Amino acid sequence: MPYESSVPYRAGTAGYASFRIPACVRAPDGTVLAFAEGRVHSSADSGDIDLVLRRSADGGRTWGPLTVVAANPRGTAGNPAPVVLADGRLLLVYVCSAAEATEERIRRGEVSPADGRRVWLRHSDDAGASWSAPREITEAVKAPEWRWYATTPGHALQLSTGRVVVPANHSLPPTDPAHDGTEGRYNGGHCLLSDDAGATWRLGYVDDAPDGYVNVNETTAAELPDGTVYFNTRNDSDVPAHRADARSADGGVTLTAPFAPRPELIAPVVEAALLHLRAEGLLLLSAPSHPETRHRMAVRVSEDDGTTWRTGITVDERRAAYSDLVRLDDATVGLLHETGDDSAYETITFRRIPVADLLRGTATGPR
């Protein structure tokens, strides 16, 4: 479908071999902020990687110059998790690690805590034009035994109570001597919580199930009208489904039940993004919709707070991977996503999608 689009990031430009891991928010003055990882030498998940930003003053139609929001002299700065607070301040939670600290080595326990995944925070009071000095919050939000660690990817959220919730994931050391910790069963999920606008942080729920069939990985969240926090996650195993969800009735402190599979949300193993449209009562989920491969970006729609889902819209049939969603105005939603003809990582493209188009579709089945 030919939605109005622009390309804030294209592989092989601005000194970066690749751009990945999009995240998007809208500031109170209307500025749209598109974050990504700028990967200097390749599209690999570790190495020399900066957290970069481009801003738009016209709803994502055109973009200002690329700026580096966070850099790590030792290697990687990434997994942007931005959130705009009620007072207009923009918080950005992200993760740093050494260049040689690949996910596989971290999960095997071969990387020291100093070189492994560390959690950082910056803030901006001028819609991303300038940023505070970075502040590390690792000790407050990462359990000592955890190995791999990643925030979101995609935007975080501030609840109606004022609490900030940042979905995240981690890995556990293996419990079976035949395993090395790289197995999907050692994935776990959790969230970061702040009740004072990012001044202090603590852990919320933790979901670990090394012998279970849903192993939480990259997670997205939305607040529902009754205050429930709805979480939707990537599950790396083929059985029982590539997507799963859970809910919290206490602002992310605990889950009402462990994550449960959602087989009707057909997708490959990939990150996804949630956005709740309060005025319309719609919950949106963006992700590729091919069952096995990263193709066919779509926005699914729920009119009953995630109990059932319908097709919504398919953006196009090309390769596609990670994404994020942002409300632009009363009539428009923005979709920032990885896509391309020969590779999903050729561009990070921004599309303006009319809300009216999301009001149509066919139900994909009850829970």
Protein backbone atom coordinates (compact mmCIF):
# COMPACT_ATOMS: atom_id res chain seq x y z
CA MET A 1 0.00 0.00 0.00
CA PRO A 2 1.60 3.33 -1.07
CA TYR A 3 1.71 5.18 2.22
CA GLU A 4 3.57 8.47 2.36
CA SER A 5 7.12 7.59 3.35
CA SER A 6 10.64 8.87 3.93
CA VAL A 7 14.01 7.24 4.65
CA PRO A 8 15.82 8.66 7.69
CA TYR A 9 18.50 5.94 7.57
CA ARG A 10 20.10 4.17 4.61
CA ALA A 11 22.91 1.59 4.92
CA GLY A 12 26.29 2.81 3.73
CA THR A 13 25.73 6.51 4.45
CA ALA A 14 26.98 9.02 7.05
CA GLY A 15 29.97 6.83 7.90
CA TYR A 16 27.94 3.78 8.89
CA ALA A 17 27.82 0.44 7.11
CA SER A 18 24.38 -0.30 8.55
CA PHE A 19 21.57 1.15 10.64
CA ARG A 20 19.43 -1.09 12.81
CA ILE A 21 17.12 -1.18 15.87
CA PRO A 22 14.66 1.71 15.30
CA ALA A 23 12.84 3.54 18.09
CA CYS A 24 10.52 6.50 17.70
CA VAL A 25 8.74 9.08 19.89
CA ARG A 26 7.04 12.44 19.41
CA ALA A 27 7.98 15.40 21.61
CA PRO A 28 5.32 17.82 22.94
CA ASP A 29 6.35 20.45 20.39
CA GLY A 30 5.58 17.98 17.59
CA THR A 31 9.16 16.99 16.82
CA VAL A 32 9.41 13.35 15.75
CA LEU A 33 12.58 11.63 16.94
CA ALA A 34 13.87 8.55 15.09
CA PHE A 35 16.61 6.69 16.98
CA ALA A 36 18.72 3.85 15.63
CA GLU A 37 22.00 2.02 16.07
CA GLY A 38 24.64 3.29 13.65
CA ARG A 39 26.88 0.29 12.99
CA VAL A 40 30.23 1.45 11.67
CA HIS A 41 31.80 -1.60 10.06
CA SER A 42 28.98 -4.08 9.35
CA SER A 43 25.43 -5.01 10.28
CA ALA A 44 26.69 -7.24 13.13
CA ASP A 45 25.10 -6.81 16.56
CA SER A 46 28.42 -6.06 18.28
CA GLY A 47 31.44 -3.92 17.43
CA ASP A 48 31.79 -0.17 16.91
CA ILE A 49 28.16 0.98 17.24
CA ASP A 50 26.78 4.44 18.08
CA LEU A 51 23.28 5.38 19.15
CA VAL A 52 22.15 7.96 16.58
CA LEU A 53 19.20 10.28 16.10
CA ARG A 54 17.45 12.21 13.33
CA ARG A 55 14.65 14.66 14.08
CA SER A 56 11.69 15.77 11.97
CA ALA A 57 9.69 18.98 12.31
CA ASP A 58 7.05 17.99 9.74
CA GLY A 59 5.65 14.69 10.96
CA GLY A 60 8.33 12.47 9.47
CA ARG A 61 8.20 13.81 5.91
CA THR A 62 11.75 15.21 6.06
CA TRP A 63 14.60 14.79 8.54
CA GLY A 64 17.32 16.94 10.04
CA PRO A 65 20.98 15.95 10.20
CA LEU A 66 22.17 12.78 11.92
CA THR A 67 23.55 13.30 15.43
CA VAL A 68 25.25 10.86 17.80
CA VAL A 69 23.26 10.65 21.03
CA ALA A 70 25.46 8.10 22.79
CA ALA A 71 28.81 6.55 21.95
CA ASN A 72 30.86 3.99 23.80
CA PRO A 73 34.64 4.33 23.39
CA ARG A 74 34.92 0.63 24.23
CA GLY A 75 32.49 -0.51 21.53
CA THR A 76 28.71 -0.67 21.46
CA ALA A 77 26.00 1.77 22.53
CA GLY A 78 22.53 0.66 21.48
CA ASN A 79 19.07 -0.72 22.19
CA PRO A 80 17.47 2.74 22.48
CA ALA A 81 14.40 2.89 24.75
CA PRO A 82 13.12 6.50 24.63
CA VAL A 83 10.07 7.84 26.45
CA VAL A 84 8.54 11.33 26.58
CA LEU A 85 7.37 12.25 30.08
CA ALA A 86 4.27 14.27 30.93
CA ASP A 87 6.40 17.33 31.71
CA GLY A 88 8.07 17.16 28.29
CA ARG A 89 11.40 15.69 29.39
CA LEU A 90 12.71 12.93 27.12
CA LEU A 91 14.38 9.98 28.84
CA LEU A 92 16.60 7.60 26.89
CA VAL A 93 17.60 4.28 28.43
CA TYR A 94 20.19 2.27 26.50
CA VAL A 95 22.84 -0.42 26.85
CA CYS A 96 26.62 -0.43 26.36
CA SER A 97 29.11 -3.28 25.99
CA ALA A 98 32.65 -3.86 24.75
CA ALA A 99 33.18 -4.23 21.00
CA GLU A 100 34.31 -7.84 21.28
CA ALA A 101 31.46 -8.81 23.62
CA THR A 102 29.19 -10.69 21.23
CA GLU A 103 25.87 -11.99 22.47
CA GLU A 104 27.10 -15.58 22.15
CA ARG A 105 30.20 -14.92 24.27
CA ILE A 106 28.19 -13.06 26.89
CA ARG A 107 25.61 -15.86 27.10
CA ARG A 108 28.41 -18.42 27.50
CA GLY A 109 29.82 -16.46 30.44
CA GLU A 110 33.08 -15.58 28.66
CA VAL A 111 32.80 -11.80 29.17
CA SER A 112 33.56 -9.91 32.36
CA PRO A 113 30.83 -7.78 33.97
CA ALA A 114 32.80 -4.65 33.08
CA ASP A 115 32.83 -5.57 29.38
CA GLY A 116 29.31 -7.02 29.34
CA ARG A 117 25.97 -5.30 29.04
CA ARG A 118 25.73 -2.14 31.16
CA VAL A 119 22.62 0.07 31.41
CA TRP A 120 22.77 3.84 30.95
CA LEU A 121 20.44 6.84 30.96
CA ARG A 122 20.43 10.30 29.39
CA HIS A 123 17.72 12.98 29.23
CA SER A 124 16.81 15.93 27.05
CA ASP A 125 14.68 18.95 27.87
CA ASP A 126 14.68 20.41 24.35
CA ALA A 127 13.18 17.63 22.21
CA GLY A 128 16.51 15.93 21.61
CA ALA A 129 18.50 18.97 20.49
CA SER A 130 20.87 18.52 23.44
CA TRP A 131 21.39 15.84 26.08
CA SER A 132 22.50 15.46 29.67
CA ALA A 133 25.67 13.63 30.61
CA PRO A 134 25.20 9.84 30.67
CA ARG A 135 24.43 8.16 33.99
CA GLU A 136 24.87 4.45 34.66
CA ILE A 137 22.00 2.58 36.38
CA THR A 138 23.21 -1.02 35.96
CA GLU A 139 23.39 -1.90 39.65
CA ALA A 140 19.73 -0.95 40.19
CA VAL A 141 18.25 -2.90 37.28
CA LYS A 142 20.47 -5.87 36.42
CA ALA A 143 20.65 -8.96 38.63
CA PRO A 144 24.26 -10.09 39.24
CA GLU A 145 23.69 -13.55 37.75
CA TRP A 146 22.22 -12.32 34.47
CA ARG A 147 24.48 -12.54 31.41
CA TRP A 148 22.88 -11.09 28.28
CA TYR A 149 20.82 -7.94 28.81
CA ALA A 150 18.86 -5.68 26.45
CA THR A 151 16.30 -2.92 26.79
CA THR A 152 13.11 -3.09 24.65
CA PRO A 153 13.96 -2.32 21.60
CA GLY A 154 11.52 0.47 20.73
CA HIS A 155 9.89 3.15 22.84
CA ALA A 156 9.27 2.78 26.57
CA LEU A 157 6.21 4.28 28.30
CA GLN A 158 5.03 6.46 31.15
CA LEU A 159 1.85 5.21 32.79
CA SER A 160 -1.06 7.42 33.82
CA THR A 161 0.22 7.09 37.40
CA GLY A 162 3.51 8.71 36.35
CA ARG A 163 5.53 5.50 36.59
CA VAL A 164 8.05 4.86 33.81
CA VAL A 165 8.14 1.29 32.50
CA VAL A 166 10.96 0.00 30.28
CA PRO A 167 10.51 -3.59 29.02
CA ALA A 168 13.78 -5.55 28.90
CA ASN A 169 15.23 -9.04 28.61
CA HIS A 170 18.16 -11.04 29.93
CA SER A 171 19.68 -14.52 29.93
CA LEU A 172 20.46 -16.93 32.76
CA PRO A 173 23.46 -19.19 33.34
CA PRO A 174 22.71 -22.76 32.22
CA THR A 175 21.32 -25.23 34.73
CA ASP A 176 22.17 -28.29 32.65
CA PRO A 177 25.90 -29.15 32.38
CA ALA A 178 25.34 -30.16 28.75
CA HIS A 179 24.32 -26.57 27.91
CA ASP A 180 26.49 -23.47 27.49
CA GLY A 181 23.86 -20.76 28.08
CA THR A 182 23.23 -19.89 24.43
CA GLU A 183 20.07 -22.03 24.33
CA GLY A 184 16.78 -20.16 23.99
CA ARG A 185 15.39 -21.71 27.17
CA TYR A 186 17.68 -19.45 29.21
CA ASN A 187 16.04 -16.27 27.89
CA GLY A 188 14.08 -14.30 30.44
CA GLY A 189 12.10 -11.07 30.62
CA HIS A 190 11.78 -8.24 33.10
CA CYS A 191 11.07 -4.52 33.21
CA LEU A 192 12.70 -1.43 34.68
CA LEU A 193 10.57 0.89 36.82
CA SER A 194 10.99 4.49 37.94
CA ASP A 195 8.48 6.38 40.08
CA ASP A 196 10.40 9.66 40.11
CA ALA A 197 10.83 10.54 36.43
CA GLY A 198 14.05 8.58 36.05
CA ALA A 199 15.89 9.79 39.17
CA THR A 200 15.93 6.29 40.68
CA TRP A 201 15.24 2.84 39.21
CA ARG A 202 14.33 -0.69 40.30
CA LEU A 203 13.35 -4.00 38.80
CA GLY A 204 9.72 -4.88 38.21
CA TYR A 205 8.46 -8.32 37.22
CA VAL A 206 10.92 -11.07 36.31
CA ASP A 207 9.77 -13.93 34.07
CA ASP A 208 12.20 -16.86 33.89
CA ALA A 209 11.16 -20.33 32.71
CA PRO A 210 14.25 -22.32 31.64
CA ASP A 211 12.19 -25.50 31.44
CA GLY A 212 9.12 -23.85 29.95
CA TYR A 213 8.04 -23.42 26.37
CA VAL A 214 7.74 -19.66 26.32
CA ASN A 215 11.08 -17.97 26.87
CA VAL A 216 10.69 -14.22 26.93
CA ASN A 217 12.99 -12.15 24.75
CA GLU A 218 12.58 -8.68 23.17
CA THR A 219 9.42 -7.17 24.68
CA THR A 220 7.13 -4.22 24.02
CA ALA A 221 4.43 -2.73 26.26
CA ALA A 222 1.35 -0.50 26.27
CA GLU A 223 -0.97 0.82 28.97
CA LEU A 224 -4.62 -0.15 28.51
CA PRO A 225 -7.54 2.15 29.47
CA ASP A 226 -8.08 0.42 32.84
CA GLY A 227 -4.41 0.88 33.82
CA THR A 228 -3.35 -2.66 32.99
CA VAL A 229 0.08 -2.90 31.37
CA TYR A 230 -0.01 -5.24 28.36
CA PHE A 231 3.28 -6.88 27.36
CA ASN A 232 3.93 -8.67 24.07
CA THR A 233 7.18 -10.57 23.49
CA ARG A 234 9.27 -12.43 20.97
CA ASN A 235 9.59 -16.17 21.67
CA ASP A 236 12.55 -17.77 19.90
CA SER A 237 11.17 -21.33 19.87
CA ASP A 238 8.94 -22.55 17.05
CA VAL A 239 6.60 -24.29 19.50
CA PRO A 240 4.13 -23.13 20.59
CA ALA A 241 4.35 -19.73 18.84
CA HIS A 242 6.73 -16.92 17.93
CA ARG A 243 4.71 -14.39 19.98
CA ALA A 244 3.45 -14.43 23.55
CA ASP A 245 1.83 -11.95 25.91
CA ALA A 246 1.20 -11.16 29.57
CA ARG A 247 -0.44 -8.48 31.70
CA SER A 248 0.31 -6.59 34.88
CA ALA A 249 -2.35 -5.08 37.15
CA ASP A 250 0.17 -3.29 39.38
CA GLY A 251 2.14 -1.18 36.94
CA GLY A 252 4.71 -3.78 35.97
CA VAL A 253 5.70 -4.93 39.48
CA THR A 254 4.26 -8.41 38.91
CA LEU A 255 2.48 -10.30 36.14
CA THR A 256 -1.05 -11.60 36.64
CA ALA A 257 0.10 -14.83 34.92
CA PRO A 258 3.24 -15.94 33.07
CA PHE A 259 3.61 -15.13 29.39
CA ALA A 260 1.29 -17.27 27.26
CA PRO A 261 1.64 -18.10 23.53
CA ARG A 262 -0.38 -16.21 20.90
CA PRO A 263 -0.25 -18.45 17.81
CA GLU A 264 -2.76 -16.32 15.90
CA LEU A 265 -0.20 -13.48 15.83
CA ILE A 266 1.64 -14.97 12.89
CA ALA A 267 5.20 -13.66 12.65
CA PRO A 268 8.75 -14.89 12.31
CA VAL A 269 11.16 -14.70 15.25
CA VAL A 270 11.52 -10.93 15.47
CA GLU A 271 10.98 -7.83 17.60
CA ALA A 272 7.59 -6.07 17.49
CA ALA A 273 6.11 -2.80 18.74
CA LEU A 274 2.88 -1.85 20.53
CA LEU A 275 0.93 1.41 20.55
CA HIS A 276 -2.45 2.11 22.17
CA LEU A 277 -4.70 4.70 20.46
CA ARG A 278 -6.86 5.90 23.34
CA ALA A 279 -9.33 7.99 21.38
CA GLU A 280 -10.20 5.09 19.07
CA GLY A 281 -9.78 2.28 21.62
CA LEU A 282 -7.33 0.48 19.34
CA LEU A 283 -4.25 -1.49 20.37
CA LEU A 284 -1.71 -1.79 17.54
CA LEU A 285 1.10 -4.30 17.00
CA SER A 286 3.69 -3.86 14.22
CA ALA A 287 5.78 -6.81 13.00
CA PRO A 288 6.52 -8.81 9.87
CA SER A 289 3.62 -11.16 9.14
CA HIS A 290 5.29 -13.99 7.24
CA PRO A 291 5.27 -17.10 9.49
CA GLU A 292 8.96 -17.96 9.07
CA THR A 293 10.98 -15.25 7.36
CA ARG A 294 11.33 -11.50 7.89
CA HIS A 295 8.95 -10.30 5.19
CA ARG A 296 5.61 -8.51 4.87
CA MET A 297 5.52 -5.74 7.50
CA ALA A 298 2.02 -5.39 8.94
CA VAL A 299 0.17 -3.54 11.67
CA ARG A 300 -2.27 -5.77 13.54
CA VAL A 301 -5.24 -4.28 15.41
CA SER A 302 -7.11 -5.25 18.57
CA GLU A 303 -10.35 -3.58 19.62
CA ASP A 304 -10.59 -5.51 22.92
CA ASP A 305 -7.23 -4.72 24.54
CA GLY A 306 -5.30 -7.62 23.09
CA THR A 307 -7.84 -10.40 23.65
CA THR A 308 -8.35 -10.84 19.89
CA TRP A 309 -6.51 -9.42 16.90
CA ARG A 310 -7.40 -8.66 13.31
CA THR A 311 -5.28 -8.11 10.24
CA GLY A 312 -5.21 -4.31 10.18
CA ILE A 313 -2.96 -3.35 7.26
CA THR A 314 -0.07 -4.92 5.40
CA VAL A 315 2.48 -2.25 4.54
CA ASP A 316 4.19 -4.15 1.71
CA GLU A 317 5.54 -7.58 0.78
CA ARG A 318 9.24 -6.78 0.93
CA ARG A 319 11.77 -7.90 3.48
CA ALA A 320 11.21 -6.33 6.89
CA ALA A 321 12.41 -6.73 10.45
CA TYR A 322 12.36 -4.47 13.55
CA SER A 323 9.89 -1.60 13.95
CA ASP A 324 8.37 1.02 16.24
CA LEU A 325 5.09 2.96 16.29
CA VAL A 326 4.29 6.55 17.24
CA ARG A 327 1.13 8.67 17.29
CA LEU A 328 1.68 11.69 15.06
CA ASP A 329 -1.68 13.48 15.24
CA ASP A 330 -5.40 12.74 15.50
CA ALA A 331 -5.47 11.20 12.02
CA THR A 332 -2.05 9.61 11.62
CA VAL A 333 0.24 6.95 13.08
CA GLY A 334 3.93 6.72 12.22
CA LEU A 335 5.67 3.41 11.53
CA LEU A 336 9.49 3.37 11.67
CA HIS A 337 10.80 0.05 10.38
CA GLU A 338 13.69 -1.84 8.82
CA THR A 339 13.02 -2.82 5.22
CA GLY A 340 14.51 -3.30 1.76
CA ASP A 341 14.30 -5.21 -1.49
CA ASP A 342 17.19 -7.64 -1.07
CA SER A 343 17.73 -7.27 2.69
CA ALA A 344 15.59 -6.08 5.57
CA TYR A 345 18.54 -3.94 6.67
CA GLU A 346 18.94 -1.73 3.59
CA THR A 347 16.96 1.14 5.13
CA ILE A 348 15.06 2.29 8.16
CA THR A 349 11.95 3.76 6.56
CA PHE A 350 9.26 5.97 8.12
CA ARG A 351 5.64 5.66 6.94
CA ARG A 352 2.64 7.83 7.72
CA ILE A 353 -0.41 5.58 8.12
CA PRO A 354 -3.94 7.03 8.34
CA VAL A 355 -5.78 5.87 11.45
CA ALA A 356 -8.83 5.37 9.21
CA ASP A 357 -7.02 2.53 7.44
CA LEU A 358 -6.49 0.76 10.76
CA LEU A 359 -10.24 0.71 11.40
CA ARG A 360 -10.63 -1.92 8.67
CA GLY A 361 -9.57 -5.58 8.62
CA THR A 362 -10.51 -9.17 9.32
CA ALA A 363 -10.26 -10.84 12.73
CA THR A 364 -7.43 -13.36 13.11
CA GLY A 365 -9.18 -15.45 15.75
CA PRO A 366 -9.98 -15.48 19.43
CA ARG A 367 -7.50 -16.19 22.16
